[in-house]
N, C-alpha and C. Protein backbone atom coordinates (compact mmCIF):
# COMPACT_ATOMS: atom_id res chain seq x y z
N UNK A 1 -19.99 -0.49 19.26
CA UNK A 1 -19.09 -0.74 18.19
C UNK A 1 -17.74 -0.08 18.35
N UNK A 2 -17.66 1.13 19.00
CA UNK A 2 -16.36 1.66 19.19
C UNK A 2 -15.40 0.77 19.95
N UNK A 3 -15.91 -0.08 20.79
CA UNK A 3 -15.09 -1.06 21.47
C UNK A 3 -14.36 -1.98 20.55
N UNK A 4 -15.07 -2.50 19.51
CA UNK A 4 -14.48 -3.31 18.54
C UNK A 4 -13.39 -2.64 17.77
N UNK A 5 -13.67 -1.28 17.45
CA UNK A 5 -12.72 -0.52 16.66
C UNK A 5 -11.43 -0.26 17.54
N UNK A 6 -11.65 0.03 18.78
CA UNK A 6 -10.53 0.27 19.71
C UNK A 6 -9.71 -1.03 19.82
N UNK A 7 -10.27 -2.12 19.79
CA UNK A 7 -9.49 -3.41 19.81
C UNK A 7 -8.67 -3.56 18.56
N UNK A 8 -9.25 -3.14 17.45
CA UNK A 8 -8.48 -3.17 16.18
C UNK A 8 -7.24 -2.24 16.25
N UNK A 9 -7.45 -1.10 16.87
CA UNK A 9 -6.28 -0.19 16.91
C UNK A 9 -5.33 -0.68 18.01
N UNK A 10 -5.81 -1.30 19.09
CA UNK A 10 -4.88 -1.86 20.05
C UNK A 10 -4.08 -3.02 19.48
N UNK A 11 -4.63 -3.74 18.55
CA UNK A 11 -3.86 -4.80 17.92
C UNK A 11 -2.74 -4.24 17.06
N UNK A 12 -3.00 -3.02 16.46
CA UNK A 12 -1.94 -2.40 15.72
C UNK A 12 -0.79 -1.99 16.61
N UNK A 13 -1.19 -1.53 17.80
CA UNK A 13 -0.11 -1.16 18.83
C UNK A 13 0.68 -2.34 19.15
N UNK A 14 0.01 -3.52 19.39
CA UNK A 14 0.69 -4.72 19.71
C UNK A 14 1.67 -5.22 18.70
N UNK A 15 1.28 -5.05 17.46
CA UNK A 15 2.16 -5.42 16.30
C UNK A 15 3.52 -4.66 16.32
N UNK A 16 3.47 -3.50 16.86
CA UNK A 16 4.69 -2.67 16.93
C UNK A 16 5.79 -3.34 17.90
N UNK A 17 5.27 -4.22 18.77
CA UNK A 17 6.18 -4.84 19.75
C UNK A 17 6.64 -6.25 19.27
N UNK A 18 6.16 -6.68 18.13
CA UNK A 18 6.49 -8.04 17.69
C UNK A 18 8.01 -8.14 17.37
N UNK A 19 8.52 -9.29 17.62
CA UNK A 19 9.99 -9.56 17.39
C UNK A 19 10.29 -9.44 15.87
N UNK A 20 9.40 -9.87 15.06
CA UNK A 20 9.60 -9.91 13.58
C UNK A 20 8.86 -8.70 12.91
N UNK A 21 8.95 -7.56 13.61
CA UNK A 21 8.28 -6.37 13.18
C UNK A 21 8.83 -5.97 11.75
N UNK A 22 7.81 -5.70 10.88
CA UNK A 22 8.08 -5.19 9.54
C UNK A 22 7.34 -3.93 9.34
N UNK A 23 8.07 -2.82 9.22
CA UNK A 23 7.51 -1.48 9.21
C UNK A 23 6.51 -1.37 7.98
N UNK A 24 6.92 -1.82 6.87
CA UNK A 24 6.02 -1.64 5.63
C UNK A 24 4.70 -2.44 5.83
N UNK A 25 4.84 -3.68 6.35
CA UNK A 25 3.56 -4.45 6.56
C UNK A 25 2.72 -3.74 7.59
N UNK A 26 3.32 -3.20 8.68
CA UNK A 26 2.55 -2.57 9.70
C UNK A 26 1.91 -1.29 9.10
N UNK A 27 2.57 -0.56 8.33
CA UNK A 27 2.04 0.63 7.71
C UNK A 27 0.80 0.32 6.92
N UNK A 28 0.88 -0.77 6.16
CA UNK A 28 -0.31 -1.19 5.28
C UNK A 28 -1.46 -1.51 6.14
N UNK A 29 -1.30 -2.33 7.18
CA UNK A 29 -2.45 -2.70 8.03
C UNK A 29 -2.96 -1.54 8.79
N UNK A 30 -2.03 -0.67 9.34
CA UNK A 30 -2.52 0.49 10.07
C UNK A 30 -3.29 1.47 9.17
N UNK A 31 -2.84 1.65 8.00
CA UNK A 31 -3.50 2.56 7.03
C UNK A 31 -4.90 1.99 6.76
N UNK A 32 -5.01 0.73 6.54
CA UNK A 32 -6.26 0.05 6.29
C UNK A 32 -7.26 0.25 7.41
N UNK A 33 -6.77 0.05 8.65
CA UNK A 33 -7.62 0.20 9.83
C UNK A 33 -8.09 1.69 10.00
N UNK A 34 -7.14 2.59 9.88
CA UNK A 34 -7.49 4.00 10.03
C UNK A 34 -8.45 4.43 8.98
N UNK A 35 -8.28 3.95 7.72
CA UNK A 35 -9.16 4.37 6.65
C UNK A 35 -10.61 3.86 6.92
N UNK A 36 -10.70 2.66 7.35
CA UNK A 36 -12.00 2.04 7.67
C UNK A 36 -12.69 2.81 8.74
N UNK A 37 -11.99 3.23 9.78
CA UNK A 37 -12.57 3.89 10.94
C UNK A 37 -12.85 5.38 10.67
N UNK A 38 -11.82 6.11 10.17
CA UNK A 38 -11.91 7.53 10.08
C UNK A 38 -12.14 8.08 8.61
N UNK A 39 -11.93 7.19 7.66
CA UNK A 39 -12.07 7.66 6.28
C UNK A 39 -10.73 7.97 5.71
N UNK A 40 -10.65 8.06 4.38
CA UNK A 40 -9.38 8.16 3.66
C UNK A 40 -8.68 9.52 3.90
N UNK A 41 -9.44 10.52 4.35
CA UNK A 41 -8.87 11.90 4.55
C UNK A 41 -8.24 12.09 5.90
N UNK A 42 -8.28 11.06 6.79
CA UNK A 42 -7.70 11.28 8.05
C UNK A 42 -6.27 11.62 8.03
N UNK A 43 -5.79 12.66 8.70
CA UNK A 43 -4.31 13.12 8.63
C UNK A 43 -3.43 12.05 9.15
N UNK A 44 -3.82 11.15 10.08
CA UNK A 44 -2.96 10.12 10.57
C UNK A 44 -2.49 9.17 9.53
N UNK A 45 -3.31 8.93 8.42
CA UNK A 45 -2.94 8.08 7.40
C UNK A 45 -1.70 8.62 6.65
N UNK A 46 -1.77 9.81 6.38
CA UNK A 46 -0.53 10.47 5.73
C UNK A 46 0.66 10.35 6.62
N UNK A 47 0.48 10.53 7.95
CA UNK A 47 1.61 10.44 8.87
C UNK A 47 2.15 9.07 8.90
N UNK A 48 1.30 8.09 8.84
CA UNK A 48 1.79 6.64 8.88
C UNK A 48 2.55 6.38 7.60
N UNK A 49 2.01 6.82 6.48
CA UNK A 49 2.65 6.61 5.21
C UNK A 49 4.08 7.29 5.14
N UNK A 50 4.24 8.30 5.88
CA UNK A 50 5.55 8.96 5.88
C UNK A 50 6.53 8.35 6.77
N UNK A 51 6.15 7.42 7.61
CA UNK A 51 7.11 6.72 8.51
C UNK A 51 8.14 5.92 7.61
N UNK A 52 9.40 6.13 7.94
CA UNK A 52 10.40 5.39 7.19
C UNK A 52 11.72 5.32 8.05
N UNK A 53 12.37 4.24 7.81
CA UNK A 53 13.63 4.06 8.58
C UNK A 53 14.74 4.81 7.73
N UNK A 54 15.43 5.77 8.36
CA UNK A 54 16.35 6.62 7.69
C UNK A 54 17.76 6.19 8.15
N UNK A 55 18.32 5.42 7.28
CA UNK A 55 19.74 4.99 7.48
C UNK A 55 20.76 5.80 6.78
N UNK A 56 20.35 6.97 6.27
CA UNK A 56 21.26 7.73 5.54
C UNK A 56 22.36 8.23 6.49
N UNK A 57 23.57 8.41 5.90
CA UNK A 57 24.69 8.79 6.73
C UNK A 57 24.53 10.10 7.48
N UNK A 58 23.74 11.05 6.94
CA UNK A 58 23.44 12.24 7.61
C UNK A 58 22.69 12.08 8.94
N UNK A 59 21.65 11.23 8.80
CA UNK A 59 20.82 11.00 10.00
C UNK A 59 21.55 10.32 11.12
N UNK A 60 22.43 9.39 10.78
CA UNK A 60 23.22 8.66 11.71
C UNK A 60 24.34 9.48 12.27
N UNK A 61 24.96 10.19 11.44
CA UNK A 61 26.16 11.02 11.81
C UNK A 61 25.78 12.20 12.71
N UNK A 62 24.64 12.83 12.32
CA UNK A 62 24.18 14.06 13.09
C UNK A 62 23.53 13.71 14.37
N UNK A 63 23.15 12.49 14.62
CA UNK A 63 22.40 12.22 15.81
C UNK A 63 23.40 11.60 16.88
N UNK A 64 22.84 11.47 18.02
CA UNK A 64 23.69 10.84 19.11
C UNK A 64 23.68 9.32 18.90
N UNK A 65 24.49 8.67 19.70
CA UNK A 65 24.67 7.22 19.57
C UNK A 65 23.38 6.46 19.98
N UNK A 66 22.41 7.12 20.59
CA UNK A 66 21.22 6.48 21.08
C UNK A 66 20.13 6.39 20.00
N UNK A 67 20.40 7.02 18.84
CA UNK A 67 19.37 7.05 17.80
C UNK A 67 19.16 5.70 17.17
N UNK A 68 17.91 5.24 17.20
CA UNK A 68 17.60 4.00 16.67
C UNK A 68 16.48 4.19 15.72
N UNK A 69 16.62 4.13 14.39
CA UNK A 69 15.64 4.58 13.41
C UNK A 69 14.36 3.73 13.54
N UNK A 70 14.49 2.41 13.72
CA UNK A 70 13.29 1.56 13.76
C UNK A 70 12.45 1.90 15.01
N UNK A 71 13.12 2.07 16.12
CA UNK A 71 12.48 2.39 17.36
C UNK A 71 11.75 3.75 17.29
N UNK A 72 12.36 4.69 16.56
CA UNK A 72 11.71 5.97 16.34
C UNK A 72 10.44 5.91 15.59
N UNK A 73 10.42 5.04 14.51
CA UNK A 73 9.20 4.77 13.76
C UNK A 73 8.17 4.09 14.60
N UNK A 74 8.61 3.19 15.41
CA UNK A 74 7.61 2.50 16.32
C UNK A 74 6.93 3.53 17.29
N UNK A 75 7.77 4.36 17.82
CA UNK A 75 7.24 5.34 18.82
C UNK A 75 6.16 6.28 18.11
N UNK A 76 6.56 6.73 16.91
CA UNK A 76 5.65 7.59 16.24
C UNK A 76 4.34 6.83 15.81
N UNK A 77 4.47 5.62 15.40
CA UNK A 77 3.29 4.76 15.05
C UNK A 77 2.42 4.58 16.27
N UNK A 78 3.06 4.24 17.41
CA UNK A 78 2.31 4.09 18.60
C UNK A 78 1.52 5.29 18.98
N UNK A 79 2.22 6.46 18.94
CA UNK A 79 1.49 7.71 19.26
C UNK A 79 0.35 7.97 18.35
N UNK A 80 0.47 7.64 17.07
CA UNK A 80 -0.67 7.84 16.15
C UNK A 80 -1.84 6.93 16.51
N UNK A 81 -1.52 5.64 16.86
CA UNK A 81 -2.60 4.79 17.17
C UNK A 81 -3.28 5.12 18.49
N UNK A 82 -2.52 5.57 19.46
CA UNK A 82 -2.99 5.96 20.71
C UNK A 82 -3.94 7.21 20.55
N UNK A 83 -3.53 8.12 19.71
CA UNK A 83 -4.39 9.34 19.39
C UNK A 83 -5.70 8.84 18.85
N UNK A 84 -5.71 7.86 18.01
CA UNK A 84 -6.92 7.30 17.34
C UNK A 84 -7.80 6.70 18.35
N UNK A 85 -7.22 5.91 19.22
CA UNK A 85 -8.01 5.32 20.38
C UNK A 85 -8.59 6.41 21.26
N UNK A 86 -7.86 7.44 21.64
CA UNK A 86 -8.36 8.44 22.47
C UNK A 86 -9.47 9.18 21.77
N UNK A 87 -9.37 9.42 20.51
CA UNK A 87 -10.43 10.12 19.81
C UNK A 87 -11.74 9.32 19.82
N UNK A 88 -11.67 7.99 19.59
CA UNK A 88 -12.84 7.19 19.63
C UNK A 88 -13.47 7.15 20.98
N UNK A 89 -12.59 7.07 22.04
CA UNK A 89 -13.08 7.04 23.45
C UNK A 89 -13.72 8.35 23.81
N UNK A 90 -13.19 9.46 23.34
CA UNK A 90 -13.72 10.73 23.70
C UNK A 90 -14.96 11.15 22.90
N UNK A 91 -14.84 11.05 21.58
CA UNK A 91 -15.85 11.53 20.65
C UNK A 91 -16.73 10.48 20.01
N UNK A 92 -16.40 9.20 20.05
CA UNK A 92 -17.13 8.20 19.43
C UNK A 92 -16.76 8.13 17.95
N UNK A 93 -17.63 7.45 17.19
CA UNK A 93 -17.44 7.30 15.79
C UNK A 93 -17.58 8.60 15.04
N UNK A 94 -16.78 8.83 14.05
CA UNK A 94 -17.02 9.99 13.21
C UNK A 94 -18.34 9.86 12.48
N UNK A 95 -19.08 10.97 12.41
CA UNK A 95 -20.44 10.88 11.89
C UNK A 95 -20.44 10.36 10.47
N UNK A 96 -19.46 10.72 9.66
CA UNK A 96 -19.53 10.26 8.27
C UNK A 96 -19.21 8.82 8.11
N UNK A 97 -18.65 8.16 9.13
CA UNK A 97 -18.17 6.77 8.99
C UNK A 97 -19.15 5.80 9.76
N UNK A 98 -19.99 6.29 10.53
CA UNK A 98 -20.91 5.49 11.34
C UNK A 98 -21.70 4.41 10.54
N UNK A 99 -22.31 4.85 9.44
CA UNK A 99 -23.18 3.98 8.66
C UNK A 99 -22.24 2.98 7.89
N UNK A 100 -21.12 3.40 7.37
CA UNK A 100 -20.22 2.49 6.69
C UNK A 100 -19.75 1.40 7.61
N UNK A 101 -19.39 1.73 8.87
CA UNK A 101 -18.96 0.71 9.82
C UNK A 101 -20.06 -0.19 10.24
N UNK A 102 -21.23 0.38 10.50
CA UNK A 102 -22.38 -0.52 10.87
C UNK A 102 -22.65 -1.52 9.80
N UNK A 103 -22.59 -1.09 8.49
CA UNK A 103 -22.82 -2.03 7.43
C UNK A 103 -21.68 -3.14 7.42
N UNK A 104 -20.44 -2.69 7.63
CA UNK A 104 -19.30 -3.60 7.68
C UNK A 104 -19.53 -4.71 8.65
N UNK A 105 -19.81 -4.28 9.95
CA UNK A 105 -19.97 -5.28 10.98
C UNK A 105 -21.19 -6.12 10.79
N UNK A 106 -22.25 -5.56 10.18
CA UNK A 106 -23.47 -6.38 9.89
C UNK A 106 -23.14 -7.40 8.82
N UNK A 107 -22.35 -7.01 7.84
CA UNK A 107 -21.96 -7.98 6.76
C UNK A 107 -21.12 -9.13 7.40
N UNK A 108 -20.25 -8.75 8.31
CA UNK A 108 -19.47 -9.81 8.94
C UNK A 108 -20.31 -10.73 9.73
N UNK A 109 -21.31 -10.24 10.46
CA UNK A 109 -22.22 -11.05 11.21
C UNK A 109 -22.98 -11.99 10.28
N UNK A 110 -23.42 -11.48 9.21
CA UNK A 110 -24.17 -12.25 8.24
C UNK A 110 -23.28 -13.37 7.64
N UNK A 111 -22.09 -13.08 7.36
CA UNK A 111 -21.15 -14.05 6.77
C UNK A 111 -20.95 -15.20 7.80
N UNK A 112 -20.79 -14.83 9.06
CA UNK A 112 -20.65 -15.85 10.15
C UNK A 112 -21.91 -16.70 10.23
N UNK A 113 -23.05 -16.06 10.21
CA UNK A 113 -24.30 -16.71 10.30
C UNK A 113 -24.50 -17.71 9.22
N UNK A 114 -24.22 -17.29 7.97
CA UNK A 114 -24.32 -18.18 6.82
C UNK A 114 -23.40 -19.34 6.88
N UNK A 115 -22.15 -19.17 7.33
CA UNK A 115 -21.22 -20.21 7.43
C UNK A 115 -21.50 -21.26 8.50
N UNK A 116 -22.18 -20.79 9.60
CA UNK A 116 -22.42 -21.62 10.69
C UNK A 116 -23.71 -22.46 10.57
N UNK A 117 -24.65 -22.02 9.74
CA UNK A 117 -25.94 -22.61 9.71
C UNK A 117 -26.26 -23.10 8.31
N UNK A 118 -26.80 -24.28 8.24
CA UNK A 118 -27.23 -24.86 6.93
C UNK A 118 -28.80 -24.83 6.83
N UNK A 119 -29.42 -24.49 7.90
CA UNK A 119 -30.91 -24.44 7.95
C UNK A 119 -31.38 -23.05 7.50
N UNK A 120 -31.93 -23.03 6.25
CA UNK A 120 -32.40 -21.76 5.64
C UNK A 120 -33.45 -21.03 6.47
N UNK A 121 -34.43 -21.73 7.03
CA UNK A 121 -35.44 -21.14 7.87
C UNK A 121 -34.78 -20.46 9.06
N UNK A 122 -33.83 -21.09 9.65
CA UNK A 122 -33.15 -20.57 10.89
C UNK A 122 -32.42 -19.24 10.47
N UNK A 123 -31.77 -19.26 9.36
CA UNK A 123 -31.09 -18.08 8.83
C UNK A 123 -32.01 -16.95 8.62
N UNK A 124 -33.11 -17.22 7.91
CA UNK A 124 -34.12 -16.16 7.60
C UNK A 124 -34.69 -15.57 8.92
N UNK A 125 -34.97 -16.48 9.87
CA UNK A 125 -35.56 -16.03 11.08
C UNK A 125 -34.63 -15.08 11.83
N UNK A 126 -33.37 -15.46 11.90
CA UNK A 126 -32.36 -14.62 12.55
C UNK A 126 -32.18 -13.24 11.83
N UNK A 127 -32.23 -13.27 10.56
CA UNK A 127 -32.00 -12.09 9.79
C UNK A 127 -33.26 -11.13 10.03
N UNK A 128 -34.43 -11.69 10.11
CA UNK A 128 -35.61 -10.88 10.28
C UNK A 128 -35.54 -10.20 11.70
N UNK A 129 -35.08 -11.01 12.68
CA UNK A 129 -34.99 -10.50 14.00
C UNK A 129 -34.05 -9.25 14.09
N UNK A 130 -33.03 -9.28 13.28
CA UNK A 130 -32.03 -8.20 13.21
C UNK A 130 -32.31 -7.19 12.19
N UNK A 131 -33.38 -7.43 11.40
CA UNK A 131 -33.79 -6.46 10.31
C UNK A 131 -32.73 -6.32 9.34
N UNK A 132 -32.15 -7.40 8.88
CA UNK A 132 -30.94 -7.33 8.02
C UNK A 132 -31.25 -7.86 6.60
N UNK A 133 -32.53 -8.08 6.29
CA UNK A 133 -32.85 -8.62 5.02
C UNK A 133 -32.34 -7.81 3.85
N UNK A 134 -32.44 -6.50 3.92
CA UNK A 134 -31.98 -5.64 2.82
C UNK A 134 -30.51 -5.76 2.66
N UNK A 135 -29.81 -5.83 3.73
CA UNK A 135 -28.33 -5.94 3.59
C UNK A 135 -27.93 -7.26 2.96
N UNK A 136 -28.66 -8.37 3.30
CA UNK A 136 -28.30 -9.61 2.66
C UNK A 136 -28.59 -9.59 1.17
N UNK A 137 -29.67 -8.93 0.77
CA UNK A 137 -29.96 -8.83 -0.65
C UNK A 137 -28.86 -8.08 -1.37
N UNK A 138 -28.38 -7.01 -0.67
CA UNK A 138 -27.30 -6.26 -1.24
C UNK A 138 -26.03 -7.13 -1.38
N UNK A 139 -25.77 -7.88 -0.40
CA UNK A 139 -24.56 -8.76 -0.50
C UNK A 139 -24.68 -9.82 -1.58
N UNK A 140 -25.89 -10.36 -1.76
CA UNK A 140 -26.08 -11.38 -2.74
C UNK A 140 -25.96 -10.82 -4.17
N UNK A 141 -26.21 -9.55 -4.35
CA UNK A 141 -26.06 -8.91 -5.69
C UNK A 141 -24.61 -8.71 -6.09
N UNK A 142 -23.68 -8.66 -5.12
CA UNK A 142 -22.26 -8.51 -5.44
C UNK A 142 -21.70 -9.59 -6.28
């Protein structure tokens, strides 16, 4: 599962290079991904939220001519996402998030299974093989 999460983080890094880059949109999606993986208390979330393009006269006047506020935000965002990838590669999933993430990915698998198959016996058989019956009942109660 960490491979799937690393792909999510890598997609966030790719978004930083998009021609139509929107910092606020990127911050929202990056925060969502980091929260799902590491929990709401992860310090990177606060750092992402604090990213802003500073066009104030002080920032531009006091810096050299090479200062590019959007590029600065992109570099900081990339560094935050890379640190998250490195943490997953080194330490694996955070202990407190493992079960939450397993449930999420199992829910996604079940949704795909239900959308692809109309044969109820086939669905039940696949769910029993994966021991996901309890999770399906939980989803149906929502």
